[in-house]
């Protein structure tokens, strides 16, 4: 009976620590995502090239492409991610993979024209060699009341 009580006591005492660890990972991913939005706004392709996995995929309203093209688009200003107003964030951790969902309003300049769109953005990060790498970034435009006909 004593081993069972001892085991339960250890489980109860360790449970908050286990949850805190998971929460720390979620917070790390949220911060990495926020940094990414700022680097995109600043056109900081040096920092982005470290964050983006070389085989990452980027899905936009106008198409999909890989890391090299995304970095070139950001550097040239063909898409300038000026500001992401983040309204909701959720993170799911599965082993060494983090799936982050952002509900944002994105102020951007596309082809020299300012646009604002509501998006659900899916970001997939994989932890490789101790670093989180962005492997997928996908924009899904959300319908607004004016979009419904």
C-alpha atoms as a PDB file:
ATOM      1  CA  UNK A   1       0.000   0.000   0.000  1.00  0.00           C
ATOM      2  CA  UNK A   2       2.886   2.379   0.827  1.00  0.00           C
ATOM      3  CA  UNK A   3       4.389   2.153  -2.717  1.00  0.00           C
ATOM      4  CA  UNK A   4       1.004   3.071  -4.229  1.00  0.00           C
ATOM      5  CA  UNK A   5       0.617   6.121  -1.986  1.00  0.00           C
ATOM      6  CA  UNK A   6       4.218   7.157  -2.640  1.00  0.00           C
ATOM      7  CA  UNK A   7       3.661   6.776  -6.387  1.00  0.00           C
ATOM      8  CA  UNK A   8       0.488   8.865  -6.254  1.00  0.00           C
ATOM      9  CA  UNK A   9       2.218  11.540  -4.193  1.00  0.00           C
ATOM     10  CA  UNK A  10       5.111  11.744  -6.676  1.00  0.00           C
ATOM     11  CA  UNK A  11       2.646  11.934  -9.585  1.00  0.00           C
ATOM     12  CA  UNK A  12       0.702  14.770  -7.946  1.00  0.00           C
ATOM     13  CA  UNK A  13       3.874  16.712  -7.147  1.00  0.00           C
ATOM     14  CA  UNK A  14       5.375  16.257 -10.624  1.00  0.00           C
ATOM     15  CA  UNK A  15       2.216  16.988 -12.624  1.00  0.00           C
ATOM     16  CA  UNK A  16       2.468  20.812 -12.427  1.00  0.00           C
ATOM     17  CA  UNK A  17       6.117  20.637 -13.566  1.00  0.00           C
ATOM     18  CA  UNK A  18       5.138  18.509 -16.597  1.00  0.00           C
ATOM     19  CA  UNK A  19       2.441  20.979 -17.592  1.00  0.00           C
ATOM     20  CA  UNK A  20       4.791  23.928 -17.109  1.00  0.00           C
ATOM     21  CA  UNK A  21       7.315  22.317 -19.471  1.00  0.00           C
ATOM     22  CA  UNK A  22       4.701  21.950 -22.171  1.00  0.00           C
ATOM     23  CA  UNK A  23       3.544  25.510 -21.612  1.00  0.00           C
ATOM     24  CA  UNK A  24       7.143  26.734 -21.950  1.00  0.00           C
ATOM     25  CA  UNK A  25       7.419  25.030 -25.345  1.00  0.00           C
ATOM     26  CA  UNK A  26       4.146  26.597 -26.472  1.00  0.00           C
ATOM     27  CA  UNK A  27       5.375  30.022 -25.337  1.00  0.00           C
ATOM     28  CA  UNK A  28       8.652  29.502 -27.213  1.00  0.00           C
ATOM     29  CA  UNK A  29       6.767  28.705 -30.437  1.00  0.00           C
ATOM     30  CA  UNK A  30       4.472  31.705 -29.986  1.00  0.00           C
ATOM     31  CA  UNK A  31       7.528  33.944 -29.563  1.00  0.00           C
ATOM     32  CA  UNK A  32       9.247  32.427 -32.609  1.00  0.00           C
ATOM     33  CA  UNK A  33       6.092  33.143 -34.637  1.00  0.00           C
ATOM     34  CA  UNK A  34       5.904  36.755 -33.390  1.00  0.00           C
ATOM     35  CA  UNK A  35       9.570  37.245 -34.251  1.00  0.00           C
ATOM     36  CA  UNK A  36       8.892  35.824 -37.718  1.00  0.00           C
ATOM     37  CA  UNK A  37       6.091  38.354 -38.351  1.00  0.00           C
ATOM     38  CA  UNK A  38       8.411  41.183 -37.300  1.00  0.00           C
ATOM     39  CA  UNK A  39      11.255  39.905 -39.471  1.00  0.00           C
ATOM     40  CA  UNK A  40       8.850  39.678 -42.403  1.00  0.00           C
ATOM     41  CA  UNK A  41       7.710  43.271 -41.804  1.00  0.00           C
ATOM     42  CA  UNK A  42      11.346  44.394 -41.592  1.00  0.00           C
ATOM     43  CA  UNK A  43      12.282  42.323 -44.686  1.00  0.00           C
ATOM     44  CA  UNK A  44      14.967  40.696 -42.521  1.00  0.00           C
ATOM     45  CA  UNK A  45      15.753  37.789 -44.843  1.00  0.00           C
ATOM     46  CA  UNK A  46      18.937  36.931 -42.918  1.00  0.00           C
ATOM     47  CA  UNK A  47      16.971  35.970 -39.794  1.00  0.00           C
ATOM     48  CA  UNK A  48      14.199  34.385 -41.852  1.00  0.00           C
ATOM     49  CA  UNK A  49      16.653  32.229 -43.786  1.00  0.00           C
ATOM     50  CA  UNK A  50      17.856  30.763 -40.468  1.00  0.00           C
ATOM     51  CA  UNK A  51      14.260  30.128 -39.327  1.00  0.00           C
ATOM     52  CA  UNK A  52      12.888  28.709 -42.600  1.00  0.00           C
ATOM     53  CA  UNK A  53      13.737  25.086 -43.357  1.00  0.00           C
ATOM     54  CA  UNK A  54      15.374  24.798 -46.794  1.00  0.00           C
ATOM     55  CA  UNK A  55      12.488  22.542 -47.941  1.00  0.00           C
ATOM     56  CA  UNK A  56       9.697  24.641 -46.374  1.00  0.00           C
ATOM     57  CA  UNK A  57       6.502  25.310 -48.326  1.00  0.00           C
ATOM     58  CA  UNK A  58       4.558  28.575 -48.374  1.00  0.00           C
ATOM     59  CA  UNK A  59       0.909  28.665 -49.459  1.00  0.00           C
ATOM     60  CA  UNK A  60      -0.615  32.029 -50.352  1.00  0.00           C
ATOM     61  CA  UNK A  61      -3.786  33.226 -52.054  1.00  0.00           C
ATOM     62  CA  UNK A  62      -1.809  33.505 -55.288  1.00  0.00           C
ATOM     63  CA  UNK A  63       0.060  30.201 -55.242  1.00  0.00           C
ATOM     64  CA  UNK A  64       2.572  28.086 -53.393  1.00  0.00           C
ATOM     65  CA  UNK A  65       6.342  27.894 -53.480  1.00  0.00           C
ATOM     66  CA  UNK A  66       9.469  27.017 -51.531  1.00  0.00           C
ATOM     67  CA  UNK A  67      11.862  28.813 -49.224  1.00  0.00           C
ATOM     68  CA  UNK A  68      14.112  30.399 -51.827  1.00  0.00           C
ATOM     69  CA  UNK A  69      11.208  32.008 -53.683  1.00  0.00           C
ATOM     70  CA  UNK A  70       9.580  33.191 -50.426  1.00  0.00           C
ATOM     71  CA  UNK A  71      12.811  34.858 -49.320  1.00  0.00           C
ATOM     72  CA  UNK A  72      13.221  36.490 -52.759  1.00  0.00           C
ATOM     73  CA  UNK A  73       9.631  37.776 -52.649  1.00  0.00           C
ATOM     74  CA  UNK A  74      10.175  39.281 -49.195  1.00  0.00           C
ATOM     75  CA  UNK A  75      13.559  40.775 -50.102  1.00  0.00           C
ATOM     76  CA  UNK A  76      12.245  42.342 -53.324  1.00  0.00           C
ATOM     77  CA  UNK A  77       9.111  43.685 -51.655  1.00  0.00           C
ATOM     78  CA  UNK A  78       6.729  41.972 -54.089  1.00  0.00           C
ATOM     79  CA  UNK A  79       4.901  41.009 -50.908  1.00  0.00           C
ATOM     80  CA  UNK A  80       5.630  43.273 -47.978  1.00  0.00           C
ATOM     81  CA  UNK A  81       4.132  41.914 -44.786  1.00  0.00           C
ATOM     82  CA  UNK A  82       3.780  45.286 -43.066  1.00  0.00           C
ATOM     83  CA  UNK A  83       1.863  44.289 -39.937  1.00  0.00           C
ATOM     84  CA  UNK A  84       0.120  41.222 -38.569  1.00  0.00           C
ATOM     85  CA  UNK A  85      -2.524  42.064 -35.978  1.00  0.00           C
ATOM     86  CA  UNK A  86      -2.780  38.784 -34.089  1.00  0.00           C
ATOM     87  CA  UNK A  87      -6.188  38.076 -32.545  1.00  0.00           C
ATOM     88  CA  UNK A  88      -5.920  34.416 -31.535  1.00  0.00           C
ATOM     89  CA  UNK A  89      -3.093  31.921 -31.194  1.00  0.00           C
ATOM     90  CA  UNK A  90      -3.175  28.217 -30.460  1.00  0.00           C
ATOM     91  CA  UNK A  91      -0.330  25.711 -30.411  1.00  0.00           C
ATOM     92  CA  UNK A  92      -0.361  21.924 -30.545  1.00  0.00           C
ATOM     93  CA  UNK A  93       2.859  20.074 -29.816  1.00  0.00           C
ATOM     94  CA  UNK A  94       3.299  16.571 -31.240  1.00  0.00           C
ATOM     95  CA  UNK A  95       6.716  15.153 -30.367  1.00  0.00           C
ATOM     96  CA  UNK A  96       9.201  17.470 -32.181  1.00  0.00           C
ATOM     97  CA  UNK A  97       6.502  19.149 -34.270  1.00  0.00           C
ATOM     98  CA  UNK A  98       4.566  22.289 -33.341  1.00  0.00           C
ATOM     99  CA  UNK A  99       1.441  23.381 -35.185  1.00  0.00           C
ATOM    100  CA  UNK A 100       0.556  26.997 -34.550  1.00  0.00           C
ATOM    101  CA  UNK A 101      -2.669  28.631 -35.702  1.00  0.00           C
ATOM    102  CA  UNK A 102      -2.861  32.426 -35.857  1.00  0.00           C
ATOM    103  CA  UNK A 103      -6.049  34.344 -36.572  1.00  0.00           C
ATOM    104  CA  UNK A 104      -4.757  37.641 -37.927  1.00  0.00           C
ATOM    105  CA  UNK A 105      -5.550  40.732 -39.918  1.00  0.00           C
ATOM    106  CA  UNK A 106      -2.607  41.177 -42.245  1.00  0.00           C
ATOM    107  CA  UNK A 107      -1.717  44.591 -43.596  1.00  0.00           C
ATOM    108  CA  UNK A 108       0.479  44.014 -46.614  1.00  0.00           C
ATOM    109  CA  UNK A 109       1.627  45.602 -49.817  1.00  0.00           C
ATOM    110  CA  UNK A 110       1.276  43.308 -52.805  1.00  0.00           C
ATOM    111  CA  UNK A 111       2.564  44.562 -56.129  1.00  0.00           C
ATOM    112  CA  UNK A 112       2.683  48.113 -54.776  1.00  0.00           C
ATOM    113  CA  UNK A 113      -0.954  48.029 -53.601  1.00  0.00           C
ATOM    114  CA  UNK A 114      -1.920  48.107 -49.908  1.00  0.00           C
ATOM    115  CA  UNK A 115      -4.280  45.342 -48.828  1.00  0.00           C
ATOM    116  CA  UNK A 116      -5.675  44.078 -45.542  1.00  0.00           C
ATOM    117  CA  UNK A 117      -7.004  40.544 -45.249  1.00  0.00           C
ATOM    118  CA  UNK A 118      -8.295  38.405 -42.397  1.00  0.00           C
ATOM    119  CA  UNK A 119      -6.415  35.091 -42.348  1.00  0.00           C
ATOM    120  CA  UNK A 120      -6.154  31.893 -40.411  1.00  0.00           C
ATOM    121  CA  UNK A 121      -2.451  31.149 -40.721  1.00  0.00           C
ATOM    122  CA  UNK A 122      -1.113  27.659 -40.149  1.00  0.00           C
ATOM    123  CA  UNK A 123       2.554  27.438 -39.192  1.00  0.00           C
ATOM    124  CA  UNK A 124       4.296  24.091 -38.812  1.00  0.00           C
ATOM    125  CA  UNK A 125       7.596  23.998 -36.950  1.00  0.00           C
ATOM    126  CA  UNK A 126       9.903  21.014 -36.483  1.00  0.00           C
ATOM    127  CA  UNK A 127      12.656  20.906 -33.884  1.00  0.00           C
ATOM    128  CA  UNK A 128      15.885  19.867 -35.603  1.00  0.00           C
ATOM    129  CA  UNK A 129      19.280  19.871 -33.893  1.00  0.00           C
ATOM    130  CA  UNK A 130      17.819  21.815 -30.970  1.00  0.00           C
ATOM    131  CA  UNK A 131      16.315  24.609 -33.128  1.00  0.00           C
ATOM    132  CA  UNK A 132      12.756  25.199 -34.277  1.00  0.00           C
ATOM    133  CA  UNK A 133      12.537  25.441 -38.071  1.00  0.00           C
ATOM    134  CA  UNK A 134       9.493  26.678 -39.964  1.00  0.00           C
ATOM    135  CA  UNK A 135       8.510  23.954 -42.429  1.00  0.00           C
ATOM    136  CA  UNK A 136       5.142  25.207 -43.643  1.00  0.00           C
ATOM    137  CA  UNK A 137       3.319  28.538 -43.667  1.00  0.00           C
ATOM    138  CA  UNK A 138      -0.175  28.559 -45.103  1.00  0.00           C
ATOM    139  CA  UNK A 139      -2.642  31.445 -45.395  1.00  0.00           C
ATOM    140  CA  UNK A 140      -6.384  30.758 -45.482  1.00  0.00           C
ATOM    141  CA  UNK A 141      -8.461  33.867 -46.130  1.00  0.00           C
ATOM    142  CA  UNK A 142     -11.414  34.126 -43.794  1.00  0.00           C
ATOM    143  CA  UNK A 143     -14.794  35.270 -44.960  1.00  0.00           C
ATOM    144  CA  UNK A 144     -16.062  38.547 -43.570  1.00  0.00           C
ATOM    145  CA  UNK A 145     -19.736  39.584 -43.477  1.00  0.00           C
ATOM    146  CA  UNK A 146     -19.216  41.640 -46.680  1.00  0.00           C
ATOM    147  CA  UNK A 147     -17.943  38.539 -48.527  1.00  0.00           C
ATOM    148  CA  UNK A 148     -21.232  36.630 -48.214  1.00  0.00           C
ATOM    149  CA  UNK A 149     -23.603  37.008 -51.132  1.00  0.00           C
END
